[in-house]
Amino acid sequence: MNHDPRVKVEVGDDHVARVTLVRTDKSNALDGPMFDAIINAGERLRADRSVRAVVLAGEGRGFCAGIDMQVLADMKDGTIAGTRDLVERTHGLCNRFQHAAWIWRELPVPVIAAVHGFALGGGLELALGADIRYATPETRMSIMEVNWGLVPDMAGSVRFYDLMRDDIVRELAFTGRTFDATQAQGYGLVTRVDADPLSLALATAREIAGRSPDAVRALKRLFAVQSSPAAAAGLLAECVEQQELLGTPNQLETVRASNEKRSPVFSD
């Protein structure tokens, strides 16, 4: 199958599709073209009836480091990665950034994320778009958007409440604290911890692909109905909040302070 240089898509004779983030020089960080490449991969697989399960992974040191810092440095007049209006629903329930994660929820077949190294900020939200997540014990994770003066805006606010207790969501989001995959499993973010999550993900995907594709697709539809009944409102709400924060003095000060390796000085 043809693929974007940043995202490799392979469909095997076993009916399992492998989607691999390959922007390794930037730790698979998310910029405008990376968002588009991930969305394009999901759209192609959604239309491929031969696919019965998908494995989503990252090449290199880790799964995904989250937003590319250059995107924040280049942000002007509230425009981020080529998008100005975050509130507009350009992809069904979602805007462009949310769709990169939410499209895996909308695929008609199960998606398994194989996570190693790190899944930070938007990288964690991308992994949460999968139905199942396997990770190495030492994988570092964080809801880190507060570190940039922002909020999670890739469907994270919806998925966190699907998976975690309210107080845990709040602590992790308010602090931006980094945690490992063993802790994440206790929080509900990781399905299984394994030394080789990619091999485990492929084995599970092949097992699923050996089941009736009609039944598996029906299960995915049923689970979609049960999960996040308030998803549309939640997805919109996080975009409204993010749009209000982008480019504000305190948000810009957060990024400047990080780049200058100093404590930020906020205005009240």
Protein backbone atom coordinates (compact mmCIF):
# COMPACT_ATOMS: atom_id res chain seq x y z
CA MET A 1 0.00 0.00 0.00
CA ASN A 2 1.27 3.49 -0.77
CA HIS A 3 2.17 5.55 2.26
CA ASP A 4 3.17 9.01 3.37
CA PRO A 5 6.87 9.32 4.32
CA ARG A 6 5.82 10.19 7.89
CA VAL A 7 3.34 7.33 8.36
CA LYS A 8 3.87 3.87 6.93
CA VAL A 9 0.84 1.65 6.25
CA GLU A 10 1.21 -2.07 5.49
CA VAL A 11 -1.62 -4.58 5.07
CA GLY A 12 -0.58 -8.23 5.25
CA ASP A 13 -2.14 -11.44 3.99
CA ASP A 14 -3.30 -11.97 7.60
CA HIS A 15 -5.76 -9.04 7.15
CA VAL A 16 -3.85 -7.03 9.78
CA ALA A 17 -2.82 -3.47 8.94
CA ARG A 18 0.32 -2.03 10.52
CA VAL A 19 0.39 1.76 10.85
CA THR A 20 3.80 3.07 11.90
CA LEU A 21 4.76 6.64 12.72
CA VAL A 22 8.17 7.16 11.13
CA ARG A 23 9.10 10.78 11.81
CA THR A 24 11.93 9.45 13.94
CA ASP A 25 14.17 12.52 13.69
CA LYS A 26 11.52 14.41 15.67
CA SER A 27 10.45 11.57 17.99
CA ASN A 28 7.28 11.26 15.87
CA ALA A 29 6.19 14.69 17.10
CA LEU A 30 3.00 16.16 15.71
CA ASP A 31 3.10 19.05 13.25
CA GLY A 32 0.64 19.97 10.49
CA PRO A 33 1.86 17.42 7.92
CA MET A 34 2.05 14.73 10.60
CA PHE A 35 -1.57 15.30 11.61
CA ASP A 36 -2.59 15.07 7.95
CA ALA A 37 -0.55 11.90 7.36
CA ILE A 38 -2.15 10.15 10.35
CA ILE A 39 -5.63 11.15 9.20
CA ASN A 40 -4.91 10.00 5.64
CA ALA A 41 -3.74 6.60 6.93
CA GLY A 42 -6.94 6.17 8.93
CA GLU A 43 -9.14 7.23 6.01
CA ARG A 44 -7.48 4.73 3.67
CA LEU A 45 -7.90 1.88 6.13
CA ARG A 46 -11.52 2.77 6.86
CA ALA A 47 -12.26 2.19 3.18
CA ASP A 48 -10.32 -1.11 2.95
CA ARG A 49 -12.71 -4.02 3.49
CA SER A 50 -9.83 -6.51 3.58
CA VAL A 51 -8.58 -5.09 6.89
CA ARG A 52 -9.86 -6.86 10.01
CA ALA A 53 -7.60 -5.34 12.68
CA VAL A 54 -5.08 -2.51 12.93
CA VAL A 55 -1.86 -2.13 14.93
CA LEU A 56 -0.71 1.44 15.56
CA ALA A 57 2.94 1.92 16.59
CA GLY A 58 5.84 4.34 16.46
CA GLU A 59 9.31 3.74 15.08
CA GLY A 60 12.46 4.93 16.83
CA ARG A 61 12.92 5.92 20.48
CA GLY A 62 9.25 6.17 21.34
CA PHE A 63 5.64 6.15 20.21
CA CYS A 64 5.00 9.91 19.96
CA ALA A 65 6.43 12.91 21.82
CA GLY A 66 3.28 15.00 21.34
CA ILE A 67 3.11 18.43 19.73
CA ASP A 68 6.20 19.55 17.83
CA MET A 69 7.65 22.47 19.79
CA GLN A 70 8.28 24.28 16.52
CA VAL A 71 4.51 24.39 16.03
CA LEU A 72 4.16 26.34 19.28
CA ALA A 73 7.11 28.58 18.41
CA ASP A 74 5.57 29.38 15.01
CA MET A 75 2.11 30.08 16.41
CA LYS A 76 0.82 33.51 15.39
CA ASP A 77 -2.53 35.21 15.94
CA GLY A 78 -4.05 32.04 17.38
CA THR A 79 -3.16 29.96 14.30
CA ILE A 80 -1.59 26.60 15.12
CA ALA A 81 -0.24 24.11 12.55
CA GLY A 82 -2.12 25.90 9.79
CA THR A 83 -5.47 25.91 11.60
CA ARG A 84 -7.08 29.05 13.00
CA ASP A 85 -10.64 28.04 13.86
CA LEU A 86 -10.47 25.10 16.26
CA VAL A 87 -14.18 25.18 17.02
CA GLU A 88 -15.33 24.45 13.45
CA ARG A 89 -16.31 20.77 13.03
CA THR A 90 -14.33 19.88 9.88
CA HIS A 91 -14.37 16.08 10.35
CA GLY A 92 -17.75 14.92 11.65
CA LEU A 93 -17.68 15.36 15.44
CA CYS A 94 -14.11 16.65 15.32
CA ASN A 95 -11.74 19.30 14.13
CA ARG A 96 -8.53 18.36 12.31
CA PHE A 97 -6.43 17.70 15.42
CA GLN A 98 -9.08 15.66 17.22
CA HIS A 99 -9.70 13.60 14.11
CA ALA A 100 -6.11 12.29 14.13
CA ALA A 101 -6.98 10.47 17.37
CA TRP A 102 -10.74 9.98 17.03
CA ILE A 103 -10.58 8.39 13.57
CA TRP A 104 -9.26 5.20 15.21
CA ARG A 105 -12.44 5.12 17.29
CA GLU A 106 -14.45 5.41 14.06
CA LEU A 107 -12.64 2.68 12.14
CA PRO A 108 -15.00 -0.28 11.72
CA VAL A 109 -12.37 -2.73 13.04
CA PRO A 110 -10.39 -2.99 16.30
CA VAL A 111 -7.25 -0.87 16.68
CA ILE A 112 -4.42 -1.84 19.02
CA ALA A 113 -1.73 0.67 20.00
CA ALA A 114 1.75 -0.73 20.71
CA VAL A 115 3.47 1.92 22.81
CA HIS A 116 7.11 2.16 23.82
CA GLY A 117 9.49 4.83 25.06
CA PHE A 118 7.06 7.70 25.49
CA ALA A 119 3.53 8.83 24.71
CA LEU A 120 3.34 12.44 25.82
CA GLY A 121 0.55 15.00 25.49
CA GLY A 122 -0.93 14.56 22.02
CA GLY A 123 1.00 11.30 21.70
CA LEU A 124 -0.92 9.88 24.65
CA GLU A 125 -4.18 11.14 23.20
CA LEU A 126 -3.35 9.46 19.90
CA ALA A 127 -2.79 6.14 21.69
CA LEU A 128 -6.11 6.59 23.52
CA GLY A 129 -7.86 6.60 20.16
CA ALA A 130 -7.13 2.87 19.96
CA ASP A 131 -9.46 0.23 21.38
CA ILE A 132 -6.60 -1.55 23.19
CA ARG A 133 -3.21 -0.30 24.40
CA TYR A 134 -0.11 -2.38 25.18
CA ALA A 135 3.02 -0.68 26.53
CA THR A 136 6.49 -1.46 27.85
CA PRO A 137 6.80 -1.07 31.63
CA GLU A 138 9.14 1.94 31.40
CA THR A 139 7.10 3.87 28.83
CA ARG A 140 6.72 7.48 30.00
CA MET A 141 3.31 9.11 29.67
CA SER A 142 1.91 12.52 30.57
CA ILE A 143 -1.13 14.73 30.15
CA MET A 144 1.36 17.52 29.65
CA GLU A 145 -0.56 20.26 27.84
CA VAL A 146 -0.69 22.43 30.97
CA ASN A 147 3.10 22.74 30.60
CA TRP A 148 2.49 24.76 27.43
CA GLY A 149 -0.40 26.79 28.88
CA LEU A 150 -2.90 24.67 26.95
CA VAL A 151 -5.50 21.93 27.47
CA PRO A 152 -5.71 18.49 25.81
CA ASP A 153 -7.41 19.03 22.45
CA MET A 154 -7.15 15.69 20.62
CA ALA A 155 -10.23 14.14 22.24
CA GLY A 156 -8.27 13.63 25.44
CA SER A 157 -10.84 15.21 27.74
CA VAL A 158 -13.41 12.71 26.45
CA ARG A 159 -11.17 9.64 26.59
CA PHE A 160 -9.72 10.42 30.01
CA TYR A 161 -13.21 10.36 31.49
CA ASP A 162 -14.01 7.14 29.66
CA LEU A 163 -11.05 5.44 31.29
CA MET A 164 -10.08 7.07 34.60
CA ARG A 165 -11.50 8.23 37.90
CA ASP A 166 -12.32 11.92 38.12
CA ASP A 167 -9.70 12.72 40.77
CA ILE A 168 -6.93 10.94 38.87
CA VAL A 169 -7.78 12.81 35.66
CA ARG A 170 -7.67 16.09 37.52
CA GLU A 171 -4.38 15.42 39.30
CA LEU A 172 -2.60 14.33 36.13
CA ALA A 173 -4.01 17.16 34.01
CA PHE A 174 -3.48 19.94 36.59
CA THR A 175 0.15 18.94 37.27
CA GLY A 176 1.35 17.55 33.91
CA ARG A 177 3.07 14.83 35.95
CA THR A 178 4.92 12.08 34.07
CA PHE A 179 4.05 8.47 34.94
CA ASP A 180 5.09 5.07 33.65
CA ALA A 181 3.04 2.39 31.94
CA THR A 182 2.69 0.28 35.07
CA GLN A 183 1.07 3.26 36.80
CA ALA A 184 -0.95 3.95 33.65
CA GLN A 185 -2.36 0.42 33.75
CA GLY A 186 -3.57 1.09 37.30
CA TYR A 187 -5.14 4.34 36.13
CA GLY A 188 -6.97 2.54 33.30
CA LEU A 189 -4.99 4.01 30.37
CA VAL A 190 -3.03 0.85 29.47
CA THR A 191 -4.59 -2.55 28.81
CA ARG A 192 -1.48 -4.70 29.34
CA VAL A 193 2.17 -4.05 30.19
CA ASP A 194 4.59 -6.18 28.19
CA ALA A 195 8.28 -6.12 27.28
CA ASP A 196 7.41 -6.44 23.58
CA PRO A 197 4.10 -4.64 23.00
CA LEU A 198 4.40 -4.70 19.22
CA SER A 199 4.65 -8.50 19.07
CA LEU A 200 1.79 -8.82 21.53
CA ALA A 201 -0.31 -6.34 19.52
CA LEU A 202 0.32 -8.21 16.27
CA ALA A 203 -0.55 -11.55 17.92
CA THR A 204 -3.80 -10.13 19.30
CA ALA A 205 -4.64 -8.50 15.97
CA ARG A 206 -4.13 -11.79 14.15
CA GLU A 207 -6.31 -13.57 16.69
CA ILE A 208 -9.05 -10.99 16.11
CA ALA A 209 -8.60 -11.26 12.34
CA GLY A 210 -9.33 -14.99 12.67
CA ARG A 211 -12.79 -14.28 14.09
CA SER A 212 -15.88 -13.54 12.01
CA PRO A 213 -15.28 -10.06 10.54
CA ASP A 214 -19.02 -9.41 10.61
CA ALA A 215 -19.24 -10.14 14.34
CA VAL A 216 -16.12 -8.11 15.14
CA ARG A 217 -17.40 -5.10 13.19
CA ALA A 218 -20.76 -5.42 14.93
CA LEU A 219 -19.01 -5.42 18.31
CA LYS A 220 -17.09 -2.28 17.41
CA ARG A 221 -20.35 -0.55 16.47
CA LEU A 222 -22.02 -1.65 19.72
CA PHE A 223 -19.13 -0.44 21.85
CA ALA A 224 -19.18 2.91 20.03
CA VAL A 225 -22.82 3.37 21.04
CA GLN A 226 -22.06 2.57 24.69
CA SER A 227 -18.88 4.63 25.02
CA SER A 228 -18.89 8.40 25.47
CA PRO A 229 -22.55 9.21 24.79
CA ALA A 230 -21.64 12.85 25.44
CA ALA A 231 -18.65 12.75 23.08
CA ALA A 232 -19.93 15.42 20.70
CA ALA A 233 -20.37 17.96 23.49
CA GLY A 234 -17.03 17.05 25.07
CA LEU A 235 -15.12 17.30 21.81
CA LEU A 236 -16.59 20.72 21.11
CA ALA A 237 -15.97 21.97 24.65
CA GLU A 238 -12.25 21.19 24.59
CA CYS A 239 -11.87 23.12 21.33
CA VAL A 240 -13.68 26.16 22.73
CA GLU A 241 -11.35 26.18 25.75
CA GLN A 242 -8.23 25.67 23.62
CA GLN A 243 -9.17 28.45 21.24
CA GLU A 244 -9.54 30.83 24.17
CA LEU A 245 -6.06 29.93 25.47
CA LEU A 246 -4.03 30.00 22.26
CA GLY A 247 -1.91 33.12 21.93
CA THR A 248 -2.86 34.62 25.29
CA PRO A 249 -0.07 36.30 27.31
CA ASN A 250 0.17 33.51 29.89
CA GLN A 251 0.17 30.81 27.24
CA LEU A 252 2.95 32.51 25.27
CA GLU A 253 4.90 33.09 28.49
CA THR A 254 4.69 29.37 29.27
CA VAL A 255 6.32 28.47 25.95
CA ARG A 256 8.93 31.25 26.21
CA ALA A 257 9.91 30.20 29.72
CA SER A 258 10.28 26.59 28.64
CA ASN A 259 12.49 27.55 25.71
CA GLU A 260 14.58 29.84 27.93
CA LYS A 261 14.77 27.21 30.70
CA ARG A 262 13.40 29.49 33.41
CA SER A 263 10.34 29.68 35.61
CA PRO A 264 7.39 31.43 33.94
CA VAL A 265 6.14 34.76 35.27
CA PHE A 266 2.35 34.84 34.92
CA SER A 267 -0.04 37.77 34.99
CA ASP A 268 -3.19 37.55 37.13
